[in-house]
Amino acid sequence: MLVNSYKTKMSQKRRSQSWTELKQAGNEFFKTGQYGEATSSYSQAIKEVEKSGKKNPEDLSILYSNRAASYLKDGNCWDCVKDCTVSLDLVPFGIKPLLRRAAAYEALEKYRLAYVDYKTALQIDCNIPAAHDGTNRMTKCLTEVDGLSWREKLPLIPTVPMAVKEKLSLATSQRTTQHNGTRENEKSVPGEDSIKKALTLKEEGNAQVKKGEYKKAIEKYTQSLKHSSSEITTYTNRALCYLSVKMYKEAVQDCEEALRLDPANIKALYRRAQAHKELKDYKACIEDLNSLLKVEPKNTAGQNLLLEVQKKK
């Protein structure tokens, strides 16, 4: 009875909120790992926008994309695909819905469709680590399934209009200018050749990690980052190596770079927590683990490390 009463109150509260308030509530639920509540808030927000008659395609596209992210976190991959498709119909070539749909397709083992979405995202912005990693994974999977002729079996990869790329480039430029206060501090975006070289060096680093050659791996990852400094997994991989050779301050720095690019990155939060623990900064360690568990409440490694560190305080 209490559960039903709570749900009724929540439903009444949502009905009294504007769509922007509902969207914000959904965002807050998502951040704390309450994906079912996030889905409900986004659903109500969509209804409010559609009911108002002022159907701004961009607003609706974001709401569908956000709800798709909640579905994905809950393992509801087909509904994630549906919402991402609606989002992309409203505003074509949105990076977030493309990446979320790609991840859902990958989980559903629809590797060809996932490859197309990852590759489309890279046409829009060639500097997206998640898209590069996804493309590499799908290439390996498809080679195993279809052999060397796997490209012949792919669906058509859409051509992204130049106007879409220019719009994104302009928006990125404006954000960077506002953040730095001057265009002089902007980092140049690496070209396709630099990104390929960076990925090759990263793979060589990964191979050294498998052999337990952590110092050699660090060298490879360092070289990789010189070619492309926004590859999140290179920072988290190098952080793992730094932890292995007891260079804890360097591990913290790499995790901070990764978190600057992706504030909710689980590996970066966990590895920084490990480094803080070794440096006996238990307060910072606990803060990282609490942040991790907000994003992924059932993370066993995070839960265990938190219990261990709390005993030391």
C-alpha atoms as a PDB file:
ATOM      1  CA  MET A   1       0.000   0.000   0.000  1.00  0.00           C
ATOM      2  CA  LEU A   2       2.834   2.391   0.869  1.00  0.00           C
ATOM      3  CA  VAL A   3       4.507   1.718  -2.477  1.00  0.00           C
ATOM      4  CA  ASN A   4       1.260   2.446  -4.348  1.00  0.00           C
ATOM      5  CA  SER A   5       0.754   5.633  -2.329  1.00  0.00           C
ATOM      6  CA  TYR A   6       4.301   6.775  -3.153  1.00  0.00           C
ATOM      7  CA  LYS A   7       3.773   6.076  -6.863  1.00  0.00           C
ATOM      8  CA  THR A   8       0.485   7.993  -6.840  1.00  0.00           C
ATOM      9  CA  LYS A   9       2.126  11.010  -5.194  1.00  0.00           C
ATOM     10  CA  MET A  10       5.016  10.907  -7.672  1.00  0.00           C
ATOM     11  CA  SER A  11       2.567  10.709 -10.576  1.00  0.00           C
ATOM     12  CA  GLN A  12       0.599  13.709  -9.258  1.00  0.00           C
ATOM     13  CA  LYS A  13       3.811  15.680  -8.748  1.00  0.00           C
ATOM     14  CA  ARG A  14       4.919  14.983 -12.321  1.00  0.00           C
ATOM     15  CA  ARG A  15       1.581  16.148 -13.708  1.00  0.00           C
ATOM     16  CA  SER A  16       2.029  19.516 -11.989  1.00  0.00           C
ATOM     17  CA  GLN A  17       5.517  20.081 -13.449  1.00  0.00           C
ATOM     18  CA  SER A  18       6.501  21.727 -16.727  1.00  0.00           C
ATOM     19  CA  TRP A  19       8.287  19.630 -19.336  1.00  0.00           C
ATOM     20  CA  THR A  20      11.596  21.373 -18.556  1.00  0.00           C
ATOM     21  CA  GLU A  21      11.213  20.550 -14.848  1.00  0.00           C
ATOM     22  CA  LEU A  22      10.371  16.953 -15.741  1.00  0.00           C
ATOM     23  CA  LYS A  23      13.426  16.769 -17.978  1.00  0.00           C
ATOM     24  CA  GLN A  24      15.645  18.100 -15.178  1.00  0.00           C
ATOM     25  CA  ALA A  25      14.104  15.618 -12.747  1.00  0.00           C
ATOM     26  CA  GLY A  26      14.846  12.833 -15.240  1.00  0.00           C
ATOM     27  CA  ASN A  27      18.447  14.015 -15.481  1.00  0.00           C
ATOM     28  CA  GLU A  28      18.813  13.956 -11.694  1.00  0.00           C
ATOM     29  CA  PHE A  29      17.287  10.465 -11.442  1.00  0.00           C
ATOM     30  CA  PHE A  30      19.654   9.283 -14.179  1.00  0.00           C
ATOM     31  CA  LYS A  31      22.723  10.664 -12.382  1.00  0.00           C
ATOM     32  CA  THR A  32      21.806   8.751  -9.228  1.00  0.00           C
ATOM     33  CA  GLY A  33      21.163   5.493 -11.073  1.00  0.00           C
ATOM     34  CA  GLN A  34      17.339   5.583 -10.727  1.00  0.00           C
ATOM     35  CA  TYR A  35      16.783   4.699 -14.361  1.00  0.00           C
ATOM     36  CA  GLY A  36      13.134   3.626 -14.002  1.00  0.00           C
ATOM     37  CA  GLU A  37      12.234   6.982 -12.427  1.00  0.00           C
ATOM     38  CA  ALA A  38      14.267   8.771 -15.105  1.00  0.00           C
ATOM     39  CA  THR A  39      12.327   6.950 -17.825  1.00  0.00           C
ATOM     40  CA  SER A  40       9.010   7.950 -16.217  1.00  0.00           C
ATOM     41  CA  SER A  41      10.052  11.610 -15.968  1.00  0.00           C
ATOM     42  CA  TYR A  42      11.229  11.747 -19.583  1.00  0.00           C
ATOM     43  CA  SER A  43       8.023  10.014 -20.736  1.00  0.00           C
ATOM     44  CA  GLN A  44       5.881  12.589 -18.928  1.00  0.00           C
ATOM     45  CA  ALA A  45       8.026  15.406 -20.363  1.00  0.00           C
ATOM     46  CA  ILE A  46       7.463  14.059 -23.885  1.00  0.00           C
ATOM     47  CA  LYS A  47       3.698  13.990 -23.255  1.00  0.00           C
ATOM     48  CA  GLU A  48       3.772  17.582 -21.977  1.00  0.00           C
ATOM     49  CA  VAL A  49       5.661  18.841 -25.042  1.00  0.00           C
ATOM     50  CA  GLU A  50       3.340  17.009 -27.436  1.00  0.00           C
ATOM     51  CA  LYS A  51       0.258  18.217 -25.510  1.00  0.00           C
ATOM     52  CA  SER A  52       1.395  21.857 -25.656  1.00  0.00           C
ATOM     53  CA  GLY A  53       1.211  21.955 -29.444  1.00  0.00           C
ATOM     54  CA  LYS A  54       4.648  23.628 -29.544  1.00  0.00           C
ATOM     55  CA  LYS A  55       6.525  20.603 -30.803  1.00  0.00           C
ATOM     56  CA  ASN A  56      10.078  21.830 -31.041  1.00  0.00           C
ATOM     57  CA  PRO A  57      11.914  18.971 -32.835  1.00  0.00           C
ATOM     58  CA  GLU A  58      15.178  19.637 -30.982  1.00  0.00           C
ATOM     59  CA  ASP A  59      13.521  19.509 -27.547  1.00  0.00           C
ATOM     60  CA  LEU A  60      11.698  16.282 -28.374  1.00  0.00           C
ATOM     61  CA  SER A  61      14.821  14.768 -29.916  1.00  0.00           C
ATOM     62  CA  ILE A  62      16.774  15.352 -26.695  1.00  0.00           C
ATOM     63  CA  LEU A  63      13.983  13.902 -24.549  1.00  0.00           C
ATOM     64  CA  TYR A  64      13.765  10.729 -26.664  1.00  0.00           C
ATOM     65  CA  SER A  65      17.557  10.421 -26.620  1.00  0.00           C
ATOM     66  CA  ASN A  66      17.636  10.848 -22.834  1.00  0.00           C
ATOM     67  CA  ARG A  67      14.931   8.245 -22.343  1.00  0.00           C
ATOM     68  CA  ALA A  68      16.885   5.940 -24.646  1.00  0.00           C
ATOM     69  CA  ALA A  69      19.909   6.311 -22.344  1.00  0.00           C
ATOM     70  CA  SER A  70      17.758   5.218 -19.388  1.00  0.00           C
ATOM     71  CA  TYR A  71      16.444   2.219 -21.324  1.00  0.00           C
ATOM     72  CA  LEU A  72      20.013   1.280 -22.268  1.00  0.00           C
ATOM     73  CA  LYS A  73      21.176   1.418 -18.635  1.00  0.00           C
ATOM     74  CA  ASP A  74      18.258  -0.826 -17.656  1.00  0.00           C
ATOM     75  CA  GLY A  75      19.146  -3.321 -20.399  1.00  0.00           C
ATOM     76  CA  ASN A  76      16.014  -2.516 -22.400  1.00  0.00           C
ATOM     77  CA  CYS A  77      17.886  -2.394 -25.697  1.00  0.00           C
ATOM     78  CA  TRP A  78      14.970  -2.611 -28.140  1.00  0.00           C
ATOM     79  CA  ASP A  79      13.185   0.371 -26.584  1.00  0.00           C
ATOM     80  CA  CYS A  80      16.511   2.213 -26.620  1.00  0.00           C
ATOM     81  CA  VAL A  81      16.778   1.543 -30.372  1.00  0.00           C
ATOM     82  CA  LYS A  82      13.195   2.756 -30.934  1.00  0.00           C
ATOM     83  CA  ASP A  83      13.713   6.001 -29.006  1.00  0.00           C
ATOM     84  CA  CYS A  84      17.044   6.728 -30.686  1.00  0.00           C
ATOM     85  CA  THR A  85      15.434   6.201 -34.087  1.00  0.00           C
ATOM     86  CA  VAL A  86      12.644   8.668 -33.217  1.00  0.00           C
ATOM     87  CA  SER A  87      15.252  11.128 -31.917  1.00  0.00           C
ATOM     88  CA  LEU A  88      17.216  10.850 -35.172  1.00  0.00           C
ATOM     89  CA  ASP A  89      14.063  11.231 -37.261  1.00  0.00           C
ATOM     90  CA  LEU A  90      13.370  14.497 -35.436  1.00  0.00           C
ATOM     91  CA  VAL A  91      16.963  15.793 -35.695  1.00  0.00           C
ATOM     92  CA  PRO A  92      19.100  13.711 -38.077  1.00  0.00           C
ATOM     93  CA  PHE A  93      22.719  12.866 -37.248  1.00  0.00           C
ATOM     94  CA  GLY A  94      22.604  13.534 -33.502  1.00  0.00           C
ATOM     95  CA  ILE A  95      25.771  12.081 -32.012  1.00  0.00           C
ATOM     96  CA  LYS A  96      24.291  10.937 -28.683  1.00  0.00           C
ATOM     97  CA  PRO A  97      21.357   8.964 -30.151  1.00  0.00           C
ATOM     98  CA  LEU A  98      23.697   7.456 -32.759  1.00  0.00           C
ATOM     99  CA  LEU A  99      26.113   6.243 -30.083  1.00  0.00           C
ATOM    100  CA  ARG A 100      23.314   5.016 -27.807  1.00  0.00           C
ATOM    101  CA  ARG A 101      21.638   3.122 -30.632  1.00  0.00           C
ATOM    102  CA  ALA A 102      25.011   1.669 -31.643  1.00  0.00           C
ATOM    103  CA  ALA A 103      25.584   0.441 -28.066  1.00  0.00           C
ATOM    104  CA  ALA A 104      22.094  -1.093 -27.984  1.00  0.00           C
ATOM    105  CA  TYR A 105      22.619  -2.818 -31.345  1.00  0.00           C
ATOM    106  CA  GLU A 106      25.968  -4.119 -30.084  1.00  0.00           C
ATOM    107  CA  ALA A 107      24.324  -5.554 -26.952  1.00  0.00           C
ATOM    108  CA  LEU A 108      21.701  -7.182 -29.197  1.00  0.00           C
ATOM    109  CA  GLU A 109      24.529  -8.618 -31.358  1.00  0.00           C
ATOM    110  CA  LYS A 110      23.336  -6.621 -34.373  1.00  0.00           C
ATOM    111  CA  TYR A 111      26.954  -5.895 -35.215  1.00  0.00           C
ATOM    112  CA  ARG A 112      26.446  -4.593 -38.762  1.00  0.00           C
ATOM    113  CA  LEU A 113      23.882  -2.027 -37.631  1.00  0.00           C
ATOM    114  CA  ALA A 114      26.110  -1.044 -34.701  1.00  0.00           C
ATOM    115  CA  TYR A 115      29.067  -0.578 -37.062  1.00  0.00           C
ATOM    116  CA  VAL A 116      27.006   1.699 -39.322  1.00  0.00           C
ATOM    117  CA  ASP A 117      26.000   3.928 -36.389  1.00  0.00           C
ATOM    118  CA  TYR A 118      29.525   4.090 -34.942  1.00  0.00           C
ATOM    119  CA  LYS A 119      30.919   4.897 -38.385  1.00  0.00           C
ATOM    120  CA  THR A 120      28.264   7.557 -39.002  1.00  0.00           C
ATOM    121  CA  ALA A 121      29.157   9.221 -35.700  1.00  0.00           C
ATOM    122  CA  LEU A 122      32.806   9.316 -36.789  1.00  0.00           C
ATOM    123  CA  GLN A 123      31.818  11.100 -40.001  1.00  0.00           C
ATOM    124  CA  ILE A 124      30.284  13.843 -37.879  1.00  0.00           C
ATOM    125  CA  ASP A 125      33.197  14.079 -35.454  1.00  0.00           C
ATOM    126  CA  CYS A 126      36.314  11.987 -36.088  1.00  0.00           C
ATOM    127  CA  ASN A 127      37.508  12.599 -32.525  1.00  0.00           C
ATOM    128  CA  ILE A 128      34.988  10.512 -30.537  1.00  0.00           C
ATOM    129  CA  PRO A 129      36.786   7.817 -28.502  1.00  0.00           C
ATOM    130  CA  ALA A 130      33.619   5.747 -27.938  1.00  0.00           C
ATOM    131  CA  ALA A 131      32.952   5.640 -31.685  1.00  0.00           C
ATOM    132  CA  HIS A 132      36.540   4.611 -32.452  1.00  0.00           C
ATOM    133  CA  ASP A 133      36.457   1.891 -29.810  1.00  0.00           C
ATOM    134  CA  GLY A 134      33.053   0.684 -31.023  1.00  0.00           C
ATOM    135  CA  THR A 135      34.159   0.606 -34.658  1.00  0.00           C
ATOM    136  CA  ASN A 136      37.224  -1.445 -33.702  1.00  0.00           C
ATOM    137  CA  ARG A 137      35.128  -3.910 -31.694  1.00  0.00           C
ATOM    138  CA  MET A 138      32.599  -4.316 -34.494  1.00  0.00           C
ATOM    139  CA  THR A 139      35.346  -4.791 -37.071  1.00  0.00           C
ATOM    140  CA  LYS A 140      36.738  -7.700 -35.007  1.00  0.00           C
ATOM    141  CA  CYS A 141      33.287  -9.229 -34.485  1.00  0.00           C
ATOM    142  CA  LEU A 142      32.284  -8.930 -38.123  1.00  0.00           C
ATOM    143  CA  THR A 143      35.594 -10.352 -39.335  1.00  0.00           C
ATOM    144  CA  GLU A 144      35.019 -13.390 -37.111  1.00  0.00           C
ATOM    145  CA  VAL A 145      31.406 -13.807 -38.295  1.00  0.00           C
ATOM    146  CA  ASP A 146      31.648 -12.915 -41.997  1.00  0.00           C
ATOM    147  CA  GLY A 147      35.340 -13.314 -42.805  1.00  0.00           C
ATOM    148  CA  LEU A 148      37.393 -10.853 -44.818  1.00  0.00           C
ATOM    149  CA  SER A 149      34.418  -9.940 -47.021  1.00  0.00           C
ATOM    150  CA  TRP A 150      32.425  -8.556 -44.065  1.00  0.00           C
ATOM    151  CA  ARG A 151      32.254  -5.039 -45.552  1.00  0.00           C
ATOM    152  CA  GLU A 152      30.261  -6.357 -48.516  1.00  0.00           C
ATOM    153  CA  LYS A 153      27.438  -7.414 -46.190  1.00  0.00           C
ATOM    154  CA  LEU A 154      27.061  -4.048 -44.453  1.00  0.00           C
ATOM    155  CA  PRO A 155      23.939  -1.897 -44.829  1.00  0.00           C
ATOM    156  CA  LEU A 156      24.465   1.429 -46.565  1.00  0.00           C
ATOM    157  CA  ILE A 157      26.359   3.914 -44.378  1.00  0.00           C
ATOM    158  CA  PRO A 158      24.651   7.320 -44.774  1.00  0.00           C
ATOM    159  CA  THR A 159      26.703  10.255 -45.967  1.00  0.00           C
ATOM    160  CA  VAL A 160      26.689  13.047 -43.397  1.00  0.00           C
ATOM    161  CA  PRO A 161      26.015  16.439 -45.036  1.00  0.00           C
ATOM    162  CA  MET A 162      28.778  19.014 -44.731  1.00  0.00           C
ATOM    163  CA  ALA A 163      26.293  21.423 -43.121  1.00  0.00           C
ATOM    164  CA  VAL A 164      25.936  19.050 -40.134  1.00  0.00           C
ATOM    165  CA  LYS A 165      29.715  18.873 -39.652  1.00  0.00           C
ATOM    166  CA  GLU A 166      30.067  22.642 -39.952  1.00  0.00           C
ATOM    167  CA  LYS A 167      27.284  23.229 -37.408  1.00  0.00           C
ATOM    168  CA  LEU A 168      28.983  20.914 -34.899  1.00  0.00           C
ATOM    169  CA  SER A 169      32.386  22.476 -35.557  1.00  0.00           C
ATOM    170  CA  LEU A 170      30.978  25.950 -34.951  1.00  0.00           C
ATOM    171  CA  ALA A 171      29.225  24.903 -31.733  1.00  0.00           C
ATOM    172  CA  THR A 172      32.396  23.203 -30.443  1.00  0.00           C
ATOM    173  CA  SER A 173      34.475  26.252 -31.330  1.00  0.00           C
ATOM    174  CA  GLN A 174      32.087  28.570 -29.489  1.00  0.00           C
ATOM    175  CA  ARG A 175      32.064  26.359 -26.375  1.00  0.00           C
ATOM    176  CA  THR A 176      35.848  26.157 -26.323  1.00  0.00           C
ATOM    177  CA  THR A 177      36.170  29.920 -26.753  1.00  0.00           C
ATOM    178  CA  GLN A 178      33.749  30.554 -23.888  1.00  0.00           C
ATOM    179  CA  HIS A 179      35.544  28.049 -21.669  1.00  0.00           C
ATOM    180  CA  ASN A 180      39.039  29.387 -22.295  1.00  0.00           C
ATOM    181  CA  GLY A 181      38.164  33.067 -22.649  1.00  0.00           C
ATOM    182  CA  THR A 182      40.289  33.197 -25.795  1.00  0.00           C
ATOM    183  CA  ARG A 183      40.650  31.219 -28.999  1.00  0.00           C
ATOM    184  CA  GLU A 184      44.414  31.151 -28.586  1.00  0.00           C
ATOM    185  CA  ASN A 185      44.138  28.379 -26.015  1.00  0.00           C
ATOM    186  CA  GLU A 186      42.105  26.037 -28.211  1.00  0.00           C
ATOM    187  CA  LYS A 187      43.627  22.624 -28.812  1.00  0.00           C
ATOM    188  CA  SER A 188      43.860  21.620 -32.431  1.00  0.00           C
ATOM    189  CA  VAL A 189      41.718  18.638 -33.392  1.00  0.00           C
ATOM    190  CA  PRO A 190      43.871  15.761 -34.668  1.00  0.00           C
ATOM    191  CA  GLY A 191      43.414  14.614 -38.248  1.00  0.00           C
ATOM    192  CA  GLU A 192      42.377  11.129 -39.322  1.00  0.00           C
ATOM    193  CA  ASP A 193      45.995   9.973 -39.808  1.00  0.00           C
ATOM    194  CA  SER A 194      46.931  11.086 -36.290  1.00  0.00           C
ATOM    195  CA  ILE A 195      43.932   9.286 -34.822  1.00  0.00           C
ATOM    196  CA  LYS A 196      44.816   6.067 -36.682  1.00  0.00           C
ATOM    197  CA  LYS A 197      48.397   6.278 -35.441  1.00  0.00           C
ATOM    198  CA  ALA A 198      47.148   6.928 -31.894  1.00  0.00           C
ATOM    199  CA  LEU A 199      44.866   3.878 -32.028  1.00  0.00           C
ATOM    200  CA  THR A 200      47.664   1.685 -33.392  1.00  0.00           C
ATOM    201  CA  LEU A 201      49.980   2.748 -30.564  1.00  0.00           C
ATOM    202  CA  LYS A 202      47.199   2.199 -28.032  1.00  0.00           C
ATOM    203  CA  GLU A 203      46.698  -1.370 -29.318  1.00  0.00           C
ATOM    204  CA  GLU A 204      50.457  -1.946 -29.017  1.00  0.00           C
ATOM    205  CA  GLY A 205      50.223  -0.694 -25.438  1.00  0.00           C
ATOM    206  CA  ASN A 206      47.332  -3.086 -24.772  1.00  0.00           C
ATOM    207  CA  ALA A 207      49.457  -5.961 -26.086  1.00  0.00           C
ATOM    208  CA  GLN A 208      52.254  -5.030 -23.660  1.00  0.00           C
ATOM    209  CA  VAL A 209      49.759  -4.960 -20.759  1.00  0.00           C
ATOM    210  CA  LYS A 210      48.691  -8.531 -21.578  1.00  0.00           C
ATOM    211  CA  LYS A 211      52.349  -9.552 -21.277  1.00  0.00           C
ATOM    212  CA  GLY A 212      52.679  -7.718 -17.952  1.00  0.00           C
ATOM    213  CA  GLU A 213      55.149  -5.248 -19.480  1.00  0.00           C
ATOM    214  CA  TYR A 214      53.653  -2.190 -17.811  1.00  0.00           C
ATOM    215  CA  LYS A 215      56.542   0.219 -18.340  1.00  0.00           C
ATOM    216  CA  LYS A 216      56.667  -0.562 -22.058  1.00  0.00           C
ATOM    217  CA  ALA A 217      52.887  -0.139 -22.194  1.00  0.00           C
ATOM    218  CA  ILE A 218      53.205   3.285 -20.543  1.00  0.00           C
ATOM    219  CA  GLU A 219      55.635   4.327 -23.295  1.00  0.00           C
ATOM    220  CA  LYS A 220      53.198   3.231 -26.013  1.00  0.00           C
ATOM    221  CA  TYR A 221      50.227   4.985 -24.383  1.00  0.00           C
ATOM    222  CA  THR A 222      52.301   8.158 -23.940  1.00  0.00           C
ATOM    223  CA  GLN A 223      53.223   8.113 -27.642  1.00  0.00           C
ATOM    224  CA  SER A 224      49.571   7.491 -28.520  1.00  0.00           C
ATOM    225  CA  LEU A 225      48.404  10.519 -26.530  1.00  0.00           C
ATOM    226  CA  LYS A 226      50.854  12.735 -28.413  1.00  0.00           C
ATOM    227  CA  HIS A 227      48.903  11.939 -31.588  1.00  0.00           C
ATOM    228  CA  SER A 228      45.437  12.222 -30.014  1.00  0.00           C
ATOM    229  CA  SER A 229      44.975  13.595 -26.498  1.00  0.00           C
ATOM    230  CA  SER A 230      41.245  12.902 -26.176  1.00  0.00           C
ATOM    231  CA  GLU A 231      41.193   9.091 -26.195  1.00  0.00           C
ATOM    232  CA  ILE A 232      39.665   8.334 -22.790  1.00  0.00           C
ATOM    233  CA  THR A 233      40.604   4.660 -22.680  1.00  0.00           C
ATOM    234  CA  THR A 234      44.271   5.481 -23.311  1.00  0.00           C
ATOM    235  CA  TYR A 235      44.302   7.563 -20.118  1.00  0.00           C
ATOM    236  CA  THR A 236      42.512   4.890 -18.088  1.00  0.00           C
ATOM    237  CA  ASN A 237      44.755   2.148 -19.514  1.00  0.00           C
ATOM    238  CA  ARG A 238      47.897   4.125 -18.692  1.00  0.00           C
ATOM    239  CA  ALA A 239      46.478   4.790 -15.212  1.00  0.00           C
ATOM    240  CA  LEU A 240      46.179   1.014 -14.731  1.00  0.00           C
ATOM    241  CA  CYS A 241      49.837   0.663 -15.682  1.00  0.00           C
ATOM    242  CA  TYR A 242      50.864   3.448 -13.314  1.00  0.00           C
ATOM    243  CA  LEU A 243      49.002   1.656 -10.514  1.00  0.00           C
ATOM    244  CA  SER A 244      50.830  -1.561 -11.385  1.00  0.00           C
ATOM    245  CA  VAL A 245      54.256   0.125 -11.102  1.00  0.00           C
ATOM    246  CA  LYS A 246      53.224   2.078  -7.958  1.00  0.00           C
ATOM    247  CA  MET A 247      53.275   5.510  -9.640  1.00  0.00           C
ATOM    248  CA  TYR A 248      50.110   6.585  -7.853  1.00  0.00           C
ATOM    249  CA  LYS A 249      50.258  10.352  -8.398  1.00  0.00           C
ATOM    250  CA  GLU A 250      50.635   9.807 -12.142  1.00  0.00           C
ATOM    251  CA  ALA A 251      47.650   7.435 -12.041  1.00  0.00           C
ATOM    252  CA  VAL A 252      45.572  10.161 -10.373  1.00  0.00           C
ATOM    253  CA  GLN A 253      46.562  12.663 -13.081  1.00  0.00           C
ATOM    254  CA  ASP A 254      45.572  10.291 -15.900  1.00  0.00           C
ATOM    255  CA  CYS A 255      42.226   9.545 -14.289  1.00  0.00           C
ATOM    256  CA  GLU A 256      41.595  13.274 -13.915  1.00  0.00           C
ATOM    257  CA  GLU A 257      42.233  13.765 -17.640  1.00  0.00           C
ATOM    258  CA  ALA A 258      39.810  10.946 -18.442  1.00  0.00           C
ATOM    259  CA  LEU A 259      37.178  12.426 -16.109  1.00  0.00           C
ATOM    260  CA  ARG A 260      37.603  15.836 -17.704  1.00  0.00           C
ATOM    261  CA  LEU A 261      36.515  14.195 -20.969  1.00  0.00           C
ATOM    262  CA  ASP A 262      33.867  11.958 -19.365  1.00  0.00           C
ATOM    263  CA  PRO A 263      32.899  12.956 -15.781  1.00  0.00           C
ATOM    264  CA  ALA A 264      31.040   9.675 -15.177  1.00  0.00           C
ATOM    265  CA  ASN A 265      33.713   7.281 -16.494  1.00  0.00           C
ATOM    266  CA  ILE A 266      33.610   4.217 -14.230  1.00  0.00           C
ATOM    267  CA  LYS A 267      37.183   3.021 -14.840  1.00  0.00           C
ATOM    268  CA  ALA A 268      38.635   6.470 -14.201  1.00  0.00           C
ATOM    269  CA  LEU A 269      36.680   6.879 -10.952  1.00  0.00           C
ATOM    270  CA  TYR A 270      37.639   3.397  -9.746  1.00  0.00           C
ATOM    271  CA  ARG A 271      41.322   3.674 -10.645  1.00  0.00           C
ATOM    272  CA  ARG A 272      41.616   7.138  -9.131  1.00  0.00           C
ATOM    273  CA  ALA A 273      40.012   5.731  -5.976  1.00  0.00           C
ATOM    274  CA  GLN A 274      42.614   2.936  -5.974  1.00  0.00           C
ATOM    275  CA  ALA A 275      45.422   5.478  -6.337  1.00  0.00           C
ATOM    276  CA  HIS A 276      43.988   7.678  -3.574  1.00  0.00           C
ATOM    277  CA  LYS A 277      43.806   4.623  -1.314  1.00  0.00           C
ATOM    278  CA  GLU A 278      47.496   3.823  -1.906  1.00  0.00           C
ATOM    279  CA  LEU A 279      48.354   7.476  -1.230  1.00  0.00           C
ATOM    280  CA  LYS A 280      46.344   7.156   2.021  1.00  0.00           C
ATOM    281  CA  ASP A 281      43.971   9.916   0.929  1.00  0.00           C
ATOM    282  CA  TYR A 282      40.952   7.978   2.153  1.00  0.00           C
ATOM    283  CA  LYS A 283      38.545  10.919   1.987  1.00  0.00           C
ATOM    284  CA  ALA A 284      39.220  11.441  -1.740  1.00  0.00           C
ATOM    285  CA  CYS A 285      39.024   7.690  -2.279  1.00  0.00           C
ATOM    286  CA  ILE A 286      35.574   7.496  -0.669  1.00  0.00           C
ATOM    287  CA  GLU A 287      34.361  10.510  -2.670  1.00  0.00           C
ATOM    288  CA  ASP A 288      35.395   8.796  -5.916  1.00  0.00           C
ATOM    289  CA  LEU A 289      33.706   5.545  -4.933  1.00  0.00           C
ATOM    290  CA  ASN A 290      30.492   7.336  -3.939  1.00  0.00           C
ATOM    291  CA  SER A 291      30.496   9.079  -7.324  1.00  0.00           C
ATOM    292  CA  LEU A 292      31.069   5.735  -9.035  1.00  0.00           C
ATOM    293  CA  LEU A 293      28.213   4.058  -7.156  1.00  0.00           C
ATOM    294  CA  LYS A 294      25.839   6.892  -8.068  1.00  0.00           C
ATOM    295  CA  VAL A 295      26.461   6.089 -11.721  1.00  0.00           C
ATOM    296  CA  GLU A 296      26.577   2.305 -11.279  1.00  0.00           C
ATOM    297  CA  PRO A 297      25.015   1.332  -7.904  1.00  0.00           C
ATOM    298  CA  LYS A 298      25.612  -2.419  -8.340  1.00  0.00           C
ATOM    299  CA  ASN A 299      29.324  -2.158  -9.124  1.00  0.00           C
ATOM    300  CA  THR A 300      30.745  -4.932  -6.915  1.00  0.00           C
ATOM    301  CA  ALA A 301      34.380  -3.819  -7.115  1.00  0.00           C
ATOM    302  CA  GLY A 302      33.404  -0.300  -6.051  1.00  0.00           C
ATOM    303  CA  GLN A 303      31.260  -1.591  -3.184  1.00  0.00           C
ATOM    304  CA  ASN A 304      34.043  -3.864  -1.910  1.00  0.00           C
ATOM    305  CA  LEU A 305      36.713  -1.170  -2.084  1.00  0.00           C
ATOM    306  CA  LEU A 306      34.423   1.278  -0.278  1.00  0.00           C
ATOM    307  CA  LEU A 307      33.894  -1.186   2.590  1.00  0.00           C
ATOM    308  CA  GLU A 308      37.648  -1.786   2.781  1.00  0.00           C
ATOM    309  CA  VAL A 309      38.525   1.915   2.899  1.00  0.00           C
ATOM    310  CA  GLN A 310      35.781   2.781   5.397  1.00  0.00           C
ATOM    311  CA  LYS A 311      37.404   0.337   7.856  1.00  0.00           C
ATOM    312  CA  LYS A 312      40.697   2.216   7.540  1.00  0.00           C
ATOM    313  CA  LYS A 313      39.206   5.613   8.430  1.00  0.00           C
END
